[in-house]
Every structure is written in C-alpha cells, then in structure tokens.
C-alpha cells in the first residue's frame, strides 16, 4: 500500500517551555475574554429588562436604555467583525512568516 504522506520530509516543531507558556497565556486571555463577553451580555439583558419594566413609569429611561443596548450591540458587532477578519498570529511569527508556513 502506497503512503500518501511523507513524514520524513519535515521535522516536528521543537517543543519548548516558552511555547508552552505562550499557549497557556493565550488560553487564559481567551477564558477572560469569554467571561467579559458573558458579563456584558448579562448587563445588556438586565438593562433591557429594566427598560421594559419601567416603560410606563419612566419613558425617558426606557428610550435611553434601549438606545444604550442598540449602541452597545452595534459596537460589539463591529469589534467582532474586525476580530474575525484579522489573521491569527502564532508565537514568534510575523505576517510574512505566517503565509510562508502554510
């Protein structure tokens, strides 16, 4: 049976403590980002619920709260688009090295 992959043409990347620490830091930042995102979503839900609750009593508060939610969601959406369109950078790589390694 013919081999479809040539495993001897490339050496595996060297695993160092620095690379492991960078990966651990990336995971920590990802975890913190997810927690901040969830906290922001819960805050927007709470503000929107308060706006609905106080609709009859404080109509100005309702409009301000709904405006805040719309403004915040549109800003978060724009940041998500920018974040998703940036190419990932590996540890110790510049933009040119990332394209050449693929």
Protein backbone atom coordinates (compact mmCIF):
# COMPACT_ATOMS: atom_id res chain seq x y z
CA UNK A 1 0.00 0.00 0.00
CA UNK A 2 1.38 3.35 -1.03
CA UNK A 3 1.90 6.01 1.66
CA UNK A 4 0.08 9.26 0.92
CA UNK A 5 2.04 11.31 3.47
CA UNK A 6 5.80 11.71 3.61
CA UNK A 7 6.55 12.03 7.32
CA UNK A 8 10.30 12.25 6.89
CA UNK A 9 10.27 15.38 4.73
CA UNK A 10 9.66 17.69 7.72
CA UNK A 11 10.76 17.60 11.33
CA UNK A 12 8.14 18.26 14.01
CA UNK A 13 8.33 21.65 15.71
CA UNK A 14 10.53 21.84 18.77
CA UNK A 15 8.53 21.99 21.97
CA UNK A 16 9.96 24.42 24.48
CA UNK A 17 8.84 25.83 27.79
CA UNK A 18 8.44 29.27 26.24
CA UNK A 19 5.98 27.97 23.66
CA UNK A 20 4.00 26.16 26.33
CA UNK A 21 3.85 29.30 28.48
CA UNK A 22 2.68 31.36 25.49
CA UNK A 23 -0.05 28.81 24.76
CA UNK A 24 -1.12 28.87 28.42
CA UNK A 25 -1.26 32.69 28.33
CA UNK A 26 -3.35 32.59 25.14
CA UNK A 27 -5.83 30.22 26.75
CA UNK A 28 -6.00 32.45 29.84
CA UNK A 29 -6.73 35.50 27.69
CA UNK A 30 -9.40 33.58 25.76
CA UNK A 31 -11.04 32.50 29.03
CA UNK A 32 -11.02 36.07 30.35
CA UNK A 33 -12.42 37.39 27.07
CA UNK A 34 -15.29 34.92 27.19
CA UNK A 35 -16.09 35.87 30.79
CA UNK A 36 -16.10 39.60 29.99
CA UNK A 37 -18.31 38.98 26.96
CA UNK A 38 -20.80 36.99 29.02
CA UNK A 39 -20.84 39.69 31.71
CA UNK A 40 -21.55 42.34 29.08
CA UNK A 41 -24.38 40.28 27.62
CA UNK A 42 -25.94 39.80 31.06
CA UNK A 43 -25.67 43.54 31.72
CA UNK A 44 -27.44 44.33 28.45
CA UNK A 45 -30.19 41.83 29.22
CA UNK A 46 -30.65 43.38 32.68
CA UNK A 47 -30.81 46.92 31.28
CA UNK A 48 -33.31 45.87 28.62
CA UNK A 49 -35.49 44.10 31.22
CA UNK A 50 -35.42 47.22 33.42
CA UNK A 51 -36.41 49.32 30.41
CA UNK A 52 -39.42 47.09 29.79
CA UNK A 53 -40.31 47.09 33.50
CA UNK A 54 -40.19 50.90 33.80
CA UNK A 55 -41.83 51.64 30.44
CA UNK A 56 -45.00 53.10 31.94
CA UNK A 57 -43.32 54.96 34.81
CA UNK A 58 -40.15 56.37 33.21
CA UNK A 59 -40.48 56.56 29.43
CA UNK A 60 -37.28 58.60 29.06
CA UNK A 61 -35.32 55.90 30.89
CA UNK A 62 -36.82 53.31 28.56
CA UNK A 63 -35.66 55.14 25.44
CA UNK A 64 -32.20 55.77 26.88
CA UNK A 65 -31.82 52.13 27.93
CA UNK A 66 -32.95 50.81 24.54
CA UNK A 67 -30.62 53.28 22.81
CA UNK A 68 -27.74 52.11 25.02
CA UNK A 69 -28.46 48.48 24.15
CA UNK A 70 -28.59 49.23 20.41
CA UNK A 71 -25.39 51.31 20.53
CA UNK A 72 -23.58 48.68 22.60
CA UNK A 73 -24.67 45.78 20.40
CA UNK A 74 -23.66 47.58 17.19
CA UNK A 75 -20.22 48.43 18.65
CA UNK A 76 -19.74 44.84 19.81
CA UNK A 77 -20.74 43.58 16.38
CA UNK A 78 -18.19 45.82 14.67
CA UNK A 79 -15.46 44.64 17.05
CA UNK A 80 -16.39 41.02 16.36
CA UNK A 81 -16.12 41.58 12.60
CA UNK A 82 -12.70 43.22 12.99
CA UNK A 83 -11.52 40.44 15.31
CA UNK A 84 -12.69 37.69 12.97
CA UNK A 85 -11.04 39.30 9.91
CA UNK A 86 -7.57 39.60 11.45
CA UNK A 87 -5.27 36.67 10.62
CA UNK A 88 -4.12 34.59 13.59
CA UNK A 89 -0.53 35.08 14.68
CA UNK A 90 1.41 32.16 16.04
CA UNK A 91 4.13 32.52 18.67
CA UNK A 92 7.20 34.24 17.27
CA UNK A 93 5.79 34.75 13.78
CA UNK A 94 5.41 37.90 11.76
CA UNK A 95 2.89 38.38 8.94
CA UNK A 96 5.27 37.19 6.21
CA UNK A 97 6.31 34.07 8.07
CA UNK A 98 2.68 33.05 8.62
CA UNK A 99 1.95 32.94 4.88
CA UNK A 100 5.15 31.02 4.13
CA UNK A 101 4.49 28.35 6.75
CA UNK A 102 1.20 27.19 5.25
